[in-house]
PDB file of N, CA and C in Angstrom:
ATOM      1  N   UNK A   1     -38.734 -27.228 -23.094  1.00  0.00           N
ATOM      2  CA  UNK A   1     -37.267 -27.306 -23.401  1.00  0.00           C
ATOM      3  C   UNK A   1     -36.619 -26.027 -23.229  1.00  0.00           C
ATOM      4  N   UNK A   2     -37.086 -25.032 -23.522  1.00  0.00           N
ATOM      5  CA  UNK A   2     -36.333 -23.653 -23.343  1.00  0.00           C
ATOM      6  C   UNK A   2     -35.956 -23.386 -22.004  1.00  0.00           C
ATOM      7  N   UNK A   3     -36.864 -23.737 -21.045  1.00  0.00           N
ATOM      8  CA  UNK A   3     -36.663 -23.489 -19.710  1.00  0.00           C
ATOM      9  C   UNK A   3     -35.497 -24.299 -19.186  1.00  0.00           C
ATOM     10  N   UNK A   4     -35.296 -25.544 -19.713  1.00  0.00           N
ATOM     11  CA  UNK A   4     -34.180 -26.376 -19.436  1.00  0.00           C
ATOM     12  C   UNK A   4     -32.885 -25.860 -19.951  1.00  0.00           C
ATOM     13  N   UNK A   5     -32.911 -25.301 -21.040  1.00  0.00           N
ATOM     14  CA  UNK A   5     -31.675 -24.799 -21.740  1.00  0.00           C
ATOM     15  C   UNK A   5     -31.309 -23.470 -20.953  1.00  0.00           C
ATOM     16  N   UNK A   6     -32.354 -22.623 -20.606  1.00  0.00           N
ATOM     17  CA  UNK A   6     -31.921 -21.409 -19.810  1.00  0.00           C
ATOM     18  C   UNK A   6     -31.482 -21.795 -18.420  1.00  0.00           C
ATOM     19  N   UNK A   7     -32.003 -22.819 -17.898  1.00  0.00           N
ATOM     20  CA  UNK A   7     -31.471 -23.222 -16.415  1.00  0.00           C
ATOM     21  C   UNK A   7     -30.086 -23.758 -16.583  1.00  0.00           C
ATOM     22  N   UNK A   8     -29.758 -24.461 -17.605  1.00  0.00           N
ATOM     23  CA  UNK A   8     -28.415 -24.946 -17.738  1.00  0.00           C
ATOM     24  C   UNK A   8     -27.468 -23.792 -18.026  1.00  0.00           C
ATOM     25  N   UNK A   9     -27.676 -22.752 -18.551  1.00  0.00           N
ATOM     26  CA  UNK A   9     -26.907 -21.592 -18.906  1.00  0.00           C
ATOM     27  C   UNK A   9     -26.641 -20.861 -17.582  1.00  0.00           C
ATOM     28  N   UNK A  10     -27.708 -20.736 -16.824  1.00  0.00           N
ATOM     29  CA  UNK A  10     -27.665 -20.073 -15.465  1.00  0.00           C
ATOM     30  C   UNK A  10     -26.709 -20.848 -14.529  1.00  0.00           C
ATOM     31  N   UNK A  11     -26.856 -22.144 -14.393  1.00  0.00           N
ATOM     32  CA  UNK A  11     -26.105 -22.852 -13.430  1.00  0.00           C
ATOM     33  C   UNK A  11     -24.613 -23.028 -13.878  1.00  0.00           C
ATOM     34  N   UNK A  12     -24.246 -22.716 -15.053  1.00  0.00           N
ATOM     35  CA  UNK A  12     -22.908 -22.791 -15.456  1.00  0.00           C
ATOM     36  C   UNK A  12     -22.101 -21.728 -14.967  1.00  0.00           C
ATOM     37  N   UNK A  13     -22.600 -20.743 -14.262  1.00  0.00           N
ATOM     38  CA  UNK A  13     -22.023 -19.598 -13.735  1.00  0.00           C
ATOM     39  C   UNK A  13     -20.828 -19.864 -12.856  1.00  0.00           C
ATOM     40  N   UNK A  14     -19.701 -19.083 -12.806  1.00  0.00           N
ATOM     41  CA  UNK A  14     -18.560 -19.218 -11.891  1.00  0.00           C
ATOM     42  C   UNK A  14     -19.132 -18.763 -10.503  1.00  0.00           C
ATOM     43  N   UNK A  15     -20.153 -17.982 -10.480  1.00  0.00           N
ATOM     44  CA  UNK A  15     -20.635 -17.436  -9.291  1.00  0.00           C
ATOM     45  C   UNK A  15     -21.619 -18.708  -8.767  1.00  0.00           C
ATOM     46  N   UNK A  16     -21.603 -18.936  -7.527  1.00  0.00           N
ATOM     47  CA  UNK A  16     -22.570 -19.925  -6.975  1.00  0.00           C
ATOM     48  C   UNK A  16     -24.061 -19.657  -7.248  1.00  0.00           C
ATOM     49  N   UNK A  17     -24.805 -20.633  -7.639  1.00  0.00           N
ATOM     50  CA  UNK A  17     -26.207 -20.417  -7.869  1.00  0.00           C
ATOM     51  C   UNK A  17     -26.935 -21.376  -6.975  1.00  0.00           C
ATOM     52  N   UNK A  18     -27.783 -20.752  -6.063  1.00  0.00           N
ATOM     53  CA  UNK A  18     -28.557 -21.633  -5.161  1.00  0.00           C
ATOM     54  C   UNK A  18     -29.976 -21.742  -5.681  1.00  0.00           C
ATOM     55  N   UNK A  19     -30.419 -22.969  -5.908  1.00  0.00           N
ATOM     56  CA  UNK A  19     -31.653 -23.174  -6.570  1.00  0.00           C
ATOM     57  C   UNK A  19     -32.660 -23.739  -5.489  1.00  0.00           C
ATOM     58  N   UNK A  20     -33.760 -23.179  -5.300  1.00  0.00           N
ATOM     59  CA  UNK A  20     -34.877 -23.579  -4.400  1.00  0.00           C
ATOM     60  C   UNK A  20     -35.907 -24.345  -5.250  1.00  0.00           C
ATOM     61  N   UNK A  21     -36.057 -25.627  -5.100  1.00  0.00           N
ATOM     62  CA  UNK A  21     -36.989 -26.478  -5.764  1.00  0.00           C
ATOM     63  C   UNK A  21     -38.300 -26.518  -4.779  1.00  0.00           C
ATOM     64  N   UNK A  22     -39.434 -26.034  -5.303  1.00  0.00           N
ATOM     65  CA  UNK A  22     -40.588 -25.962  -4.574  1.00  0.00           C
ATOM     66  C   UNK A  22     -41.879 -26.274  -5.392  1.00  0.00           C
ATOM     67  N   UNK A  23     -42.973 -26.253  -4.653  1.00  0.00           N
ATOM     68  CA  UNK A  23     -44.209 -26.318  -5.382  1.00  0.00           C
ATOM     69  C   UNK A  23     -45.285 -25.357  -4.617  1.00  0.00           C
ATOM     70  N   UNK A  24     -46.206 -24.819  -5.402  1.00  0.00           N
ATOM     71  CA  UNK A  24     -47.074 -23.919  -4.762  1.00  0.00           C
ATOM     72  C   UNK A  24     -47.959 -24.529  -3.545  1.00  0.00           C
ATOM     73  N   UNK A  25     -48.307 -25.855  -3.826  1.00  0.00           N
ATOM     74  CA  UNK A  25     -49.037 -26.572  -2.743  1.00  0.00           C
ATOM     75  C   UNK A  25     -48.308 -27.013  -1.446  1.00  0.00           C
ATOM     76  N   UNK A  26     -46.990 -26.906  -1.467  1.00  0.00           N
ATOM     77  CA  UNK A  26     -46.103 -27.399  -0.412  1.00  0.00           C
ATOM     78  C   UNK A  26     -46.076 -26.430   0.778  1.00  0.00           C
ATOM     79  N   UNK A  27     -46.526 -26.736   1.862  1.00  0.00           N
ATOM     80  CA  UNK A  27     -46.606 -25.861   3.005  1.00  0.00           C
ATOM     81  C   UNK A  27     -45.182 -25.488   3.565  1.00  0.00           C
ATOM     82  N   UNK A  28     -44.258 -26.535   3.759  1.00  0.00           N
ATOM     83  CA  UNK A  28     -42.966 -26.140   4.193  1.00  0.00           C
ATOM     84  C   UNK A  28     -42.139 -25.230   3.221  1.00  0.00           C
ATOM     85  N   UNK A  29     -42.390 -25.366   1.887  1.00  0.00           N
ATOM     86  CA  UNK A  29     -41.800 -24.541   0.899  1.00  0.00           C
ATOM     87  C   UNK A  29     -42.063 -23.031   1.147  1.00  0.00           C
ATOM     88  N   UNK A  30     -43.071 -22.755   1.885  1.00  0.00           N
ATOM     89  CA  UNK A  30     -43.405 -21.339   2.177  1.00  0.00           C
ATOM     90  C   UNK A  30     -42.433 -20.679   3.055  1.00  0.00           C
ATOM     91  N   UNK A  31     -41.710 -21.648   3.862  1.00  0.00           N
ATOM     92  CA  UNK A  31     -40.818 -21.030   4.880  1.00  0.00           C
ATOM     93  C   UNK A  31     -39.451 -20.663   4.282  1.00  0.00           C
ATOM     94  N   UNK A  32     -39.192 -21.072   3.092  1.00  0.00           N
ATOM     95  CA  UNK A  32     -37.971 -20.942   2.425  1.00  0.00           C
ATOM     96  C   UNK A  32     -37.706 -19.496   1.886  1.00  0.00           C
ATOM     97  N   UNK A  33     -38.677 -18.791   1.270  1.00  0.00           N
ATOM     98  CA  UNK A  33     -38.348 -17.390   0.797  1.00  0.00           C
ATOM     99  C   UNK A  33     -37.805 -16.466   1.851  1.00  0.00           C
ATOM    100  N   UNK A  34     -38.237 -16.319   3.023  1.00  0.00           N
ATOM    101  CA  UNK A  34     -37.689 -15.384   3.837  1.00  0.00           C
ATOM    102  C   UNK A  34     -36.175 -15.655   4.181  1.00  0.00           C
ATOM    103  N   UNK A  35     -35.835 -17.063   4.274  1.00  0.00           N
ATOM    104  CA  UNK A  35     -34.521 -17.401   4.518  1.00  0.00           C
ATOM    105  C   UNK A  35     -33.594 -16.947   3.239  1.00  0.00           C
ATOM    106  N   UNK A  36     -34.116 -17.292   2.136  1.00  0.00           N
ATOM    107  CA  UNK A  36     -33.395 -16.916   0.947  1.00  0.00           C
ATOM    108  C   UNK A  36     -33.188 -15.384   0.762  1.00  0.00           C
ATOM    109  N   UNK A  37     -34.211 -14.672   1.233  1.00  0.00           N
ATOM    110  CA  UNK A  37     -34.086 -13.200   1.181  1.00  0.00           C
ATOM    111  C   UNK A  37     -33.019 -12.612   2.112  1.00  0.00           C
ATOM    112  N   UNK A  38     -32.809 -13.300   3.199  1.00  0.00           N
ATOM    113  CA  UNK A  38     -31.724 -12.883   4.181  1.00  0.00           C
ATOM    114  C   UNK A  38     -30.381 -13.335   3.569  1.00  0.00           C
ATOM    115  N   UNK A  39     -30.356 -14.487   3.016  1.00  0.00           N
ATOM    116  CA  UNK A  39     -29.206 -15.032   2.324  1.00  0.00           C
ATOM    117  C   UNK A  39     -28.766 -14.051   1.237  1.00  0.00           C
ATOM    118  N   UNK A  40     -29.720 -13.674   0.411  1.00  0.00           N
ATOM    119  CA  UNK A  40     -29.277 -12.806  -0.624  1.00  0.00           C
ATOM    120  C   UNK A  40     -28.822 -11.381  -0.163  1.00  0.00           C
ATOM    121  N   UNK A  41     -29.510 -10.954   0.803  1.00  0.00           N
ATOM    122  CA  UNK A  41     -29.019  -9.642   1.512  1.00  0.00           C
ATOM    123  C   UNK A  41     -27.692  -9.643   2.083  1.00  0.00           C
ATOM    124  N   UNK A  42     -27.265 -10.794   2.480  1.00  0.00           N
ATOM    125  CA  UNK A  42     -25.977 -11.068   3.013  1.00  0.00           C
ATOM    126  C   UNK A  42     -24.927 -11.195   1.999  1.00  0.00           C
ATOM    127  N   UNK A  43     -25.200 -11.906   0.903  1.00  0.00           N
ATOM    128  CA  UNK A  43     -24.112 -12.177  -0.151  1.00  0.00           C
ATOM    129  C   UNK A  43     -24.284 -11.381  -1.343  1.00  0.00           C
ATOM    130  N   UNK A  44     -25.415 -10.635  -1.450  1.00  0.00           N
ATOM    131  CA  UNK A  44     -25.647  -9.704  -2.575  1.00  0.00           C
ATOM    132  C   UNK A  44     -25.326 -10.301  -3.847  1.00  0.00           C
ATOM    133  N   UNK A  45     -24.392  -9.661  -4.665  1.00  0.00           N
ATOM    134  CA  UNK A  45     -24.080 -10.161  -6.002  1.00  0.00           C
ATOM    135  C   UNK A  45     -23.128 -11.290  -6.019  1.00  0.00           C
ATOM    136  N   UNK A  46     -22.670 -11.883  -5.004  1.00  0.00           N
ATOM    137  CA  UNK A  46     -21.792 -12.978  -4.959  1.00  0.00           C
ATOM    138  C   UNK A  46     -22.487 -14.190  -5.114  1.00  0.00           C
ATOM    139  N   UNK A  47     -23.776 -14.183  -5.117  1.00  0.00           N
ATOM    140  CA  UNK A  47     -24.606 -15.471  -5.286  1.00  0.00           C
ATOM    141  C   UNK A  47     -25.904 -15.177  -6.144  1.00  0.00           C
ATOM    142  N   UNK A  48     -26.316 -16.103  -6.903  1.00  0.00           N
ATOM    143  CA  UNK A  48     -27.601 -15.941  -7.620  1.00  0.00           C
ATOM    144  C   UNK A  48     -28.553 -16.990  -7.022  1.00  0.00           C
ATOM    145  N   UNK A  49     -29.864 -16.511  -6.856  1.00  0.00           N
ATOM    146  CA  UNK A  49     -30.708 -17.436  -6.229  1.00  0.00           C
ATOM    147  C   UNK A  49     -31.898 -17.584  -7.097  1.00  0.00           C
ATOM    148  N   UNK A  50     -32.210 -18.842  -7.427  1.00  0.00           N
ATOM    149  CA  UNK A  50     -33.203 -19.256  -8.489  1.00  0.00           C
ATOM    150  C   UNK A  50     -34.292 -20.002  -7.938  1.00  0.00           C
ATOM    151  N   UNK A  51     -35.598 -19.879  -8.329  1.00  0.00           N
ATOM    152  CA  UNK A  51     -36.615 -20.653  -7.725  1.00  0.00           C
ATOM    153  C   UNK A  51     -37.180 -21.509  -8.974  1.00  0.00           C
ATOM    154  N   UNK A  52     -37.292 -22.924  -8.638  1.00  0.00           N
ATOM    155  CA  UNK A  52     -37.794 -23.776  -9.736  1.00  0.00           C
ATOM    156  C   UNK A  52     -39.054 -24.577  -9.226  1.00  0.00           C
ATOM    157  N   UNK A  53     -40.222 -24.207  -9.808  1.00  0.00           N
ATOM    158  CA  UNK A  53     -41.434 -24.928  -9.523  1.00  0.00           C
ATOM    159  C   UNK A  53     -41.312 -26.395 -10.099  1.00  0.00           C
ATOM    160  N   UNK A  54     -41.410 -27.366  -9.191  1.00  0.00           N
ATOM    161  CA  UNK A  54     -41.187 -28.713  -9.797  1.00  0.00           C
ATOM    162  C   UNK A  54     -42.411 -29.141 -10.544  1.00  0.00           C
ATOM    163  N   UNK A  55     -43.564 -28.525 -10.341  1.00  0.00           N
ATOM    164  CA  UNK A  55     -44.775 -29.009 -11.111  1.00  0.00           C
ATOM    165  C   UNK A  55     -44.611 -28.441 -12.338  1.00  0.00           C
ATOM    166  N   UNK A  56     -44.120 -27.258 -12.646  1.00  0.00           N
ATOM    167  CA  UNK A  56     -43.895 -26.496 -13.954  1.00  0.00           C
ATOM    168  C   UNK A  56     -42.748 -27.006 -14.716  1.00  0.00           C
ATOM    169  N   UNK A  57     -41.800 -27.576 -13.959  1.00  0.00           N
ATOM    170  CA  UNK A  57     -40.416 -27.876 -14.430  1.00  0.00           C
ATOM    171  C   UNK A  57     -40.010 -29.337 -14.130  1.00  0.00           C
ATOM    172  N   UNK A  58     -40.756 -30.354 -14.331  1.00  0.00           N
ATOM    173  CA  UNK A  58     -40.385 -31.603 -13.765  1.00  0.00           C
ATOM    174  C   UNK A  58     -39.090 -32.209 -14.431  1.00  0.00           C
ATOM    175  N   UNK A  59     -38.804 -31.955 -15.583  1.00  0.00           N
ATOM    176  CA  UNK A  59     -37.573 -32.349 -16.232  1.00  0.00           C
ATOM    177  C   UNK A  59     -36.357 -31.799 -15.485  1.00  0.00           C
ATOM    178  N   UNK A  60     -36.366 -30.658 -15.114  1.00  0.00           N
ATOM    179  CA  UNK A  60     -35.200 -29.985 -14.494  1.00  0.00           C
ATOM    180  C   UNK A  60     -35.207 -30.604 -13.098  1.00  0.00           C
ATOM    181  N   UNK A  61     -36.226 -30.740 -12.372  1.00  0.00           N
ATOM    182  CA  UNK A  61     -36.251 -31.348 -10.946  1.00  0.00           C
ATOM    183  C   UNK A  61     -35.572 -32.756 -11.218  1.00  0.00           C
ATOM    184  N   UNK A  62     -36.022 -33.519 -12.149  1.00  0.00           N
ATOM    185  CA  UNK A  62     -35.592 -34.820 -12.273  1.00  0.00           C
ATOM    186  C   UNK A  62     -34.020 -34.842 -12.478  1.00  0.00           C
ATOM    187  N   UNK A  63     -33.611 -34.077 -13.506  1.00  0.00           N
ATOM    188  CA  UNK A  63     -32.187 -34.043 -13.783  1.00  0.00           C
ATOM    189  C   UNK A  63     -31.346 -33.528 -12.491  1.00  0.00           C
ATOM    190  N   UNK A  64     -31.904 -32.882 -11.589  1.00  0.00           N
ATOM    191  CA  UNK A  64     -31.159 -32.364 -10.387  1.00  0.00           C
ATOM    192  C   UNK A  64     -31.460 -33.408  -9.260  1.00  0.00           C
ATOM    193  N   UNK A  65     -32.060 -34.506  -9.616  1.00  0.00           N
ATOM    194  CA  UNK A  65     -32.248 -35.603  -8.555  1.00  0.00           C
ATOM    195  C   UNK A  65     -33.066 -35.187  -7.342  1.00  0.00           C
ATOM    196  N   UNK A  66     -34.078 -34.282  -7.600  1.00  0.00           N
ATOM    197  CA  UNK A  66     -35.022 -33.752  -6.587  1.00  0.00           C
ATOM    198  C   UNK A  66     -36.015 -34.833  -6.218  1.00  0.00           C
ATOM    199  N   UNK A  67     -35.977 -35.339  -5.009  1.00  0.00           N
ATOM    200  CA  UNK A  67     -36.959 -36.370  -4.677  1.00  0.00           C
ATOM    201  C   UNK A  67     -38.080 -35.840  -3.824  1.00  0.00           C
ATOM    202  N   UNK A  68     -37.785 -34.825  -3.021  1.00  0.00           N
ATOM    203  CA  UNK A  68     -38.820 -34.122  -2.221  1.00  0.00           C
ATOM    204  C   UNK A  68     -38.630 -32.685  -2.003  1.00  0.00           C
ATOM    205  N   UNK A  69     -39.641 -31.953  -1.675  1.00  0.00           N
ATOM    206  CA  UNK A  69     -39.506 -30.563  -1.655  1.00  0.00           C
ATOM    207  C   UNK A  69     -39.816 -30.096  -0.107  1.00  0.00           C
ATOM    208  N   UNK A  70     -39.505 -28.863   0.261  1.00  0.00           N
ATOM    209  CA  UNK A  70     -38.280 -28.181  -0.472  1.00  0.00           C
ATOM    210  C   UNK A  70     -36.950 -28.683  -0.551  1.00  0.00           C
ATOM    211  N   UNK A  71     -36.354 -28.436  -1.530  1.00  0.00           N
ATOM    212  CA  UNK A  71     -34.776 -28.884  -1.806  1.00  0.00           C
ATOM    213  C   UNK A  71     -34.074 -27.699  -2.243  1.00  0.00           C
ATOM    214  N   UNK A  72     -32.897 -27.578  -1.673  1.00  0.00           N
ATOM    215  CA  UNK A  72     -31.851 -26.548  -2.066  1.00  0.00           C
ATOM    216  C   UNK A  72     -30.792 -27.264  -2.650  1.00  0.00           C
ATOM    217  N   UNK A  73     -30.333 -26.678  -3.768  1.00  0.00           N
ATOM    218  CA  UNK A  73     -29.211 -27.196  -4.508  1.00  0.00           C
ATOM    219  C   UNK A  73     -28.237 -26.037  -4.885  1.00  0.00           C
ATOM    220  N   UNK A  74     -27.066 -26.197  -4.592  1.00  0.00           N
ATOM    221  CA  UNK A  74     -25.995 -25.208  -4.764  1.00  0.00           C
ATOM    222  C   UNK A  74     -25.094 -25.693  -5.972  1.00  0.00           C
ATOM    223  N   UNK A  75     -25.240 -24.800  -7.082  1.00  0.00           N
ATOM    224  CA  UNK A  75     -24.426 -25.093  -8.238  1.00  0.00           C
ATOM    225  C   UNK A  75     -23.181 -24.143  -8.423  1.00  0.00           C
ATOM    226  N   UNK A  76     -22.157 -24.726  -9.000  1.00  0.00           N
ATOM    227  CA  UNK A  76     -21.035 -23.855  -9.252  1.00  0.00           C
ATOM    228  C   UNK A  76     -20.390 -24.354 -10.533  1.00  0.00           C
ATOM    229  N   UNK A  77     -20.211 -23.534 -11.472  1.00  0.00           N
ATOM    230  CA  UNK A  77     -19.828 -23.928 -12.841  1.00  0.00           C
ATOM    231  C   UNK A  77     -20.450 -25.249 -13.284  1.00  0.00           C
ATOM    232  N   UNK A  78     -21.661 -25.257 -13.123  1.00  0.00           N
ATOM    233  CA  UNK A  78     -22.623 -26.338 -13.786  1.00  0.00           C
ATOM    234  C   UNK A  78     -22.648 -27.527 -13.032  1.00  0.00           C
ATOM    235  N   UNK A  79     -21.792 -27.712 -11.816  1.00  0.00           N
ATOM    236  CA  UNK A  79     -21.774 -28.938 -11.035  1.00  0.00           C
ATOM    237  C   UNK A  79     -22.569 -28.709  -9.660  1.00  0.00           C
ATOM    238  N   UNK A  80     -23.175 -29.712  -9.280  1.00  0.00           N
ATOM    239  CA  UNK A  80     -23.985 -29.829  -7.931  1.00  0.00           C
ATOM    240  C   UNK A  80     -22.824 -29.810  -6.945  1.00  0.00           C
ATOM    241  N   UNK A  81     -22.739 -28.882  -6.018  1.00  0.00           N
ATOM    242  CA  UNK A  81     -21.765 -28.882  -4.981  1.00  0.00           C
ATOM    243  C   UNK A  81     -22.344 -29.257  -3.600  1.00  0.00           C
ATOM    244  N   UNK A  82     -23.778 -29.007  -3.460  1.00  0.00           N
ATOM    245  CA  UNK A  82     -24.274 -29.257  -2.068  1.00  0.00           C
ATOM    246  C   UNK A  82     -25.899 -29.416  -2.389  1.00  0.00           C
ATOM    247  N   UNK A  83     -26.415 -30.253  -1.710  1.00  0.00           N
ATOM    248  CA  UNK A  83     -27.917 -30.416  -1.763  1.00  0.00           C
ATOM    249  C   UNK A  83     -28.440 -30.760  -0.410  1.00  0.00           C
ATOM    250  N   UNK A  84     -29.640 -30.242  -0.076  1.00  0.00           N
ATOM    251  CA  UNK A  84     -30.270 -30.458   1.135  1.00  0.00           C
ATOM    252  C   UNK A  84     -31.845 -30.516   1.035  1.00  0.00           C
ATOM    253  N   UNK A  85     -32.447 -31.452   1.574  1.00  0.00           N
ATOM    254  CA  UNK A  85     -33.933 -31.547   1.443  1.00  0.00           C
ATOM    255  C   UNK A  85     -34.395 -30.925   2.850  1.00  0.00           C
ATOM    256  N   UNK A  86     -35.507 -30.251   2.658  1.00  0.00           N
ATOM    257  CA  UNK A  86     -36.097 -29.668   4.047  1.00  0.00           C
ATOM    258  C   UNK A  86     -35.701 -28.139   4.382  1.00  0.00           C
ATOM    259  N   UNK A  87     -36.027 -27.773   5.336  1.00  0.00           N
ATOM    260  CA  UNK A  87     -35.719 -26.369   5.763  1.00  0.00           C
ATOM    261  C   UNK A  87     -34.235 -26.144   6.283  1.00  0.00           C
ATOM    262  N   UNK A  88     -33.528 -25.269   5.845  1.00  0.00           N
ATOM    263  CA  UNK A  88     -32.194 -24.923   6.321  1.00  0.00           C
ATOM    264  C   UNK A  88     -32.108 -23.446   6.856  1.00  0.00           C
ATOM    265  N   UNK A  89     -31.647 -23.249   8.046  1.00  0.00           N
ATOM    266  CA  UNK A  89     -31.614 -22.055   8.525  1.00  0.00           C
ATOM    267  C   UNK A  89     -30.415 -21.218   8.017  1.00  0.00           C
ATOM    268  N   UNK A  90     -30.486 -19.875   8.134  1.00  0.00           N
ATOM    269  CA  UNK A  90     -29.647 -18.936   7.505  1.00  0.00           C
ATOM    270  C   UNK A  90     -28.129 -19.290   7.898  1.00  0.00           C
ATOM    271  N   UNK A  91     -27.752 -19.521   9.138  1.00  0.00           N
ATOM    272  CA  UNK A  91     -26.359 -19.717   9.499  1.00  0.00           C
ATOM    273  C   UNK A  91     -25.771 -20.996   8.787  1.00  0.00           C
ATOM    274  N   UNK A  92     -26.488 -21.999   8.709  1.00  0.00           N
ATOM    275  CA  UNK A  92     -25.963 -23.245   7.985  1.00  0.00           C
ATOM    276  C   UNK A  92     -25.845 -22.930   6.524  1.00  0.00           C
ATOM    277  N   UNK A  93     -26.736 -22.195   5.860  1.00  0.00           N
ATOM    278  CA  UNK A  93     -26.737 -21.958   4.462  1.00  0.00           C
ATOM    279  C   UNK A  93     -25.662 -20.974   4.114  1.00  0.00           C
ATOM    280  N   UNK A  94     -25.398 -20.032   5.068  1.00  0.00           N
ATOM    281  CA  UNK A  94     -24.347 -18.964   4.910  1.00  0.00           C
ATOM    282  C   UNK A  94     -22.992 -19.757   4.914  1.00  0.00           C
ATOM    283  N   UNK A  95     -22.830 -20.717   5.798  1.00  0.00           N
ATOM    284  CA  UNK A  95     -21.555 -21.481   5.898  1.00  0.00           C
ATOM    285  C   UNK A  95     -21.264 -22.154   4.679  1.00  0.00           C
ATOM    286  N   UNK A  96     -22.279 -22.853   4.170  1.00  0.00           N
ATOM    287  CA  UNK A  96     -21.948 -23.579   2.995  1.00  0.00           C
ATOM    288  C   UNK A  96     -21.598 -22.576   1.687  1.00  0.00           C
ATOM    289  N   UNK A  97     -22.459 -21.605   1.601  1.00  0.00           N
ATOM    290  CA  UNK A  97     -22.136 -20.679   0.525  1.00  0.00           C
ATOM    291  C   UNK A  97     -20.803 -20.073   0.723  1.00  0.00           C
ATOM    292  N   UNK A  98     -20.374 -19.705   1.833  1.00  0.00           N
ATOM    293  CA  UNK A  98     -18.937 -19.050   2.118  1.00  0.00           C
ATOM    294  C   UNK A  98     -17.944 -19.999   1.725  1.00  0.00           C
ATOM    295  N   UNK A  99     -18.216 -21.299   1.960  1.00  0.00           N
ATOM    296  CA  UNK A  99     -17.173 -22.275   1.556  1.00  0.00           C
ATOM    297  C   UNK A  99     -16.910 -22.336   0.105  1.00  0.00           C
ATOM    298  N   UNK A 100     -17.964 -22.288  -0.646  1.00  0.00           N
ATOM    299  CA  UNK A 100     -17.919 -22.358  -2.059  1.00  0.00           C
ATOM    300  C   UNK A 100     -17.429 -21.067  -2.827  1.00  0.00           C
ATOM    301  N   UNK A 101     -17.648 -20.056  -2.078  1.00  0.00           N
ATOM    302  CA  UNK A 101     -17.179 -18.585  -2.566  1.00  0.00           C
ATOM    303  C   UNK A 101     -15.698 -18.608  -2.410  1.00  0.00           C
ATOM    304  N   UNK A 102     -15.172 -19.292  -1.260  1.00  0.00           N
ATOM    305  CA  UNK A 102     -13.748 -19.310  -0.957  1.00  0.00           C
ATOM    306  C   UNK A 102     -13.086 -20.097  -1.954  1.00  0.00           C
ATOM    307  N   UNK A 103     -13.715 -21.059  -2.665  1.00  0.00           N
ATOM    308  CA  UNK A 103     -13.081 -22.005  -3.544  1.00  0.00           C
ATOM    309  C   UNK A 103     -12.901 -21.236  -5.003  1.00  0.00           C
ATOM    310  N   UNK A 104     -13.285 -20.024  -5.021  1.00  0.00           N
ATOM    311  CA  UNK A 104     -13.336 -19.295  -6.362  1.00  0.00           C
ATOM    312  C   UNK A 104     -11.873 -19.042  -6.823  1.00  0.00           C
TER     313      UNK A 104
END
């Protein structure tokens, strides 16, 4: 329950929060961290990136309507702004994040 409460506090941020839903056993999920690292180095403090293991946090995954992994969900002020299943490359991800940063 505490993880769920903490998660809700984090996603309420005015700063966009990109959440990576993954599992340790998921092969495609292992391709996501290098992409997120590049995104973080581009956007620095303008975005927060959070990783959520769906096996350890099934309630959070369910509340965010995660049906397959990897799934990326972008939150802003507690609202889901964008969701994608599968691998997304840096340019597409950067375009989405830039759009929601501009809405600030």
